[in-house]
Protein backbone atom coordinates (compact mmCIF):
# COMPACT_ATOMS: atom_id res chain seq x y z
CA MET A 1 -20.79 6.39 24.96
CA THR A 2 -19.58 6.73 21.84
CA PRO A 3 -15.40 5.34 20.84
CA ARG A 4 -15.13 9.09 19.95
CA GLU A 5 -16.10 10.14 23.80
CA ALA A 6 -14.73 7.28 25.44
CA TYR A 7 -11.23 8.42 23.51
CA GLU A 8 -11.52 12.09 24.86
CA LEU A 9 -12.48 10.49 28.78
CA ALA A 10 -9.59 8.97 28.58
CA GLU A 11 -7.22 12.10 27.69
CA ILE A 12 -8.64 13.68 30.41
CA ASN A 13 -9.04 11.03 33.36
CA GLY A 14 -6.48 8.37 31.51
CA LEU A 15 -6.52 5.41 30.99
CA SER A 16 -9.36 2.11 31.59
CA ASP A 17 -10.34 -0.86 30.32
CA SER A 18 -13.79 0.63 30.32
CA THR A 19 -12.87 3.86 28.20
CA ARG A 20 -10.42 1.37 26.20
CA ASN A 21 -12.98 -1.37 25.05
CA ILE A 22 -15.08 1.29 24.30
CA ALA A 23 -12.91 3.37 22.07
CA CYS A 24 -11.92 -0.07 20.19
CA GLN A 25 -14.94 -0.13 18.86
CA ASP A 26 -13.69 1.99 15.95
CA PRO A 27 -11.09 1.38 14.23
CA ASN A 28 -9.49 5.77 14.09
CA GLU A 29 -9.51 5.64 18.53
CA ALA A 30 -8.68 2.32 18.70
CA TYR A 31 -5.33 3.24 17.10
CA TYR A 32 -5.60 6.92 18.70
CA TYR A 33 -5.74 5.12 21.67
CA ALA A 34 -2.84 2.89 21.92
CA LEU A 35 -0.97 6.14 20.77
CA TYR A 36 -1.89 8.74 22.67
CA ILE A 37 -3.33 7.37 25.72
CA ASP A 38 -1.44 3.34 25.92
CA GLU A 39 1.51 4.54 24.72
CA CYS A 40 2.35 1.07 23.31
CA PRO A 41 0.99 -1.78 21.35
CA ARG A 42 -1.68 -4.07 22.85
CA ASP A 43 -3.14 -7.07 21.35
CA ASP A 44 -7.25 -5.23 21.77
CA THR A 45 -6.44 -2.43 20.53
CA ARG A 46 -4.37 -3.69 17.67
CA GLU A 47 -6.53 -6.18 16.67
CA ALA A 48 -9.28 -3.26 16.52
CA ALA A 49 -7.11 -1.34 14.47
CA CYS A 50 -6.31 -3.96 12.41
CA LYS A 51 -10.50 -3.48 10.62
CA ASP A 52 -9.21 -0.69 8.51
CA PRO A 53 -6.32 -0.71 6.53
CA ASN A 54 -4.66 2.76 6.55
CA CYS A 55 -5.36 2.00 10.69
CA ALA A 56 -3.58 -0.96 11.12
CA TYR A 57 -0.66 0.47 8.65
CA CYS A 58 -0.47 3.24 11.25
CA TYR A 59 0.05 0.93 13.50
CA ALA A 60 2.92 -0.84 12.55
CA VAL A 61 5.15 2.31 12.08
CA GLU A 62 3.57 4.35 15.02
CA VAL A 63 2.40 1.74 18.01
CA ASP A 64 4.47 -1.55 16.86
CA LYS A 65 7.13 0.49 15.02
CA LYS A 66 7.50 -2.63 13.67
CA PRO A 67 5.77 -5.67 10.83
CA ARG A 68 3.73 -7.99 12.66
CA GLU A 69 1.82 -9.83 10.48
CA ASN A 70 -1.95 -8.75 11.41
CA THR A 71 -0.50 -5.35 10.54
CA ARG A 72 0.07 -6.63 7.82
CA GLU A 73 -2.86 -8.83 7.20
CA GLY A 74 -4.90 -5.51 7.70
CA ALA A 75 -3.19 -3.48 5.36
CA CYS A 76 -3.13 -5.82 2.97
CA LYS A 77 -6.60 -5.51 2.58
CA ASP A 78 -5.77 -1.76 0.58
CA PRO A 79 -3.71 -1.65 -1.93
CA ARG A 80 -1.86 1.64 -0.82
CA SER A 81 -1.91 0.38 2.74
CA ALA A 82 -0.18 -2.60 1.08
CA TYR A 83 2.46 -0.71 -0.61
CA TYR A 84 3.60 1.53 2.37
CA TYR A 85 3.71 -1.60 5.04
CA ALA A 86 5.77 -3.26 2.08
CA HIS A 87 7.56 -0.03 1.67
CA GLU A 88 7.97 1.61 5.40
CA VAL A 89 7.45 -1.07 7.30
CA ASP A 90 8.70 -4.09 5.93
CA LYS A 91 10.96 -2.76 3.92
CA CYS A 92 10.97 -5.65 1.55
CA PRO A 93 8.98 -7.43 -0.65
CA THR A 94 6.94 -9.78 0.57
CA ASP A 95 3.70 -11.52 -1.11
CA SER A 96 1.29 -10.90 0.55
CA THR A 97 1.95 -6.67 0.40
CA ARG A 98 2.66 -7.32 -3.53
CA GLU A 99 -0.44 -9.03 -3.71
CA GLY A 100 -2.94 -6.34 -2.08
CA ALA A 101 -0.39 -3.40 -4.05
CA CYS A 102 -0.95 -5.35 -7.40
CA LYS A 103 -5.35 -4.49 -6.99
CA ASP A 104 -4.75 -1.09 -8.40
CA PRO A 105 -2.31 0.08 -11.33
CA ASN A 106 -1.01 3.10 -9.71
CA TRP A 107 0.15 0.60 -6.31
CA ALA A 108 1.42 -2.49 -8.53
CA TYR A 109 3.90 0.11 -10.61
CA TYR A 110 5.19 1.81 -7.40
CA TYR A 111 5.60 -1.74 -5.76
CA ALA A 112 7.60 -3.12 -9.22
CA LYS A 113 9.80 0.30 -9.01
CA ASP A 114 10.49 1.19 -5.09
CA VAL A 115 9.56 -2.30 -3.40
CA ASP A 116 10.48 -4.87 -6.27
CA LYS A 117 12.80 -2.72 -7.63
CA PHE A 118 12.77 -5.28 -10.43
CA PRO A 119 9.84 -5.67 -13.39
CA ARG A 120 7.48 -9.09 -12.55
CA ASP A 121 4.86 -10.31 -13.51
CA ASP A 122 2.39 -9.78 -11.30
CA THR A 123 2.91 -5.94 -10.48
CA ARG A 124 3.26 -5.85 -14.54
CA ASP A 125 -0.52 -7.23 -14.95
CA GLY A 126 -1.48 -5.15 -11.96
CA ALA A 127 -0.25 -2.23 -14.06
CA CYS A 128 -1.63 -2.80 -17.20
CA LYS A 129 -4.86 -2.35 -15.97
CA ASP A 130 -4.57 1.20 -17.00
CA PRO A 131 -2.78 2.70 -20.33
CA LEU A 132 -0.73 5.37 -17.55
CA TYR A 133 0.99 2.54 -15.60
CA ALA A 134 1.35 -0.29 -18.59
CA TYR A 135 2.96 2.35 -20.15
CA GLN A 136 5.07 3.93 -17.15
CA TYR A 137 5.98 0.66 -16.63
CA ALA A 138 7.24 -1.04 -20.17
CA THR A 139 9.07 2.02 -19.88
CA VAL A 140 10.68 2.47 -16.42
CA MET A 141 10.58 -1.21 -15.27
CA ASP A 142 11.25 -3.41 -18.46
CA LYS A 143 13.02 -0.75 -20.71
CA CYS A 144 11.87 -2.67 -23.78
CA PHE A 145 9.03 -3.62 -25.82
CA ARG A 146 6.65 -6.20 -24.52
CA LEU A 147 3.26 -7.14 -25.93
CA ASP A 148 2.13 -7.19 -23.28
CA THR A 149 2.18 -3.73 -22.09
CA TYR A 150 2.14 -2.91 -25.85
CA ILE A 151 -1.74 -3.87 -25.94
CA ALA A 152 -2.35 -2.30 -22.68
CA THR A 153 -0.97 1.16 -24.13
CA SER A 154 -3.09 0.37 -27.12
CA LYS A 155 -6.81 1.29 -25.14
CA ASP A 156 -5.85 5.77 -24.50
CA PRO A 157 -4.18 7.16 -28.02
CA GLU A 158 -2.15 9.08 -26.00
CA TYR A 159 -0.32 6.71 -24.06
CA SER A 160 -0.12 4.38 -26.78
CA ARG A 161 1.13 7.14 -29.12
CA GLU A 162 3.91 7.62 -26.56
CA TYR A 163 4.87 4.06 -26.63
CA ASP A 164 5.68 4.07 -29.90
CA GLU A 165 7.95 6.86 -29.41
CA TYR A 166 9.82 5.20 -27.04
CA LEU A 167 10.52 2.64 -29.15
CA ASN A 168 11.24 4.50 -32.09
CA ILE A 169 13.83 6.07 -29.27
CA GLN A 170 15.00 2.80 -28.36
CA LEU A 171 14.81 1.61 -31.92
CA ARG A 172 17.07 4.04 -33.23
CA LYS A 173 20.10 3.46 -30.13
CA ILE A 174 20.05 0.39 -31.06
CA LEU A 175 20.86 0.77 -35.13
CA LYS A 176 23.68 3.79 -34.11
């Protein structure tokens, strides 16, 4: 019996240890089993769900309805899930979610903007892996010239020009 078949059997016949054990062989099925069949958190379904970052995040939001170290650890294996865990579950920054989000420039930028709400070296370094997010970080978070964001934006002519224009506007404001 596949994990999906075990879940479907439990929908019809009700929960059982045997269908739960089989469902727990797949993170998605374990999460759905906890949410719709058990209708409560359990260590075995949580452990299985935590093998997939998105399932770990969803388990924390919809089943546990609170942060837990093991769901956070599972979610932090993926930058997007780490960001959403910090933003929606923890509702505050943590070192582990920030580290997870900083593996991708997009999520590093949004983590700084929406979770930390101020610039930091680690989120800036993450954002600087891509010229677009380096530019956004510079203009939205830093709001000033920094050599590291300038170098990162210079790797793409479009964002290099945009950054130069931004700096010219800022300079004109200062000189007024």
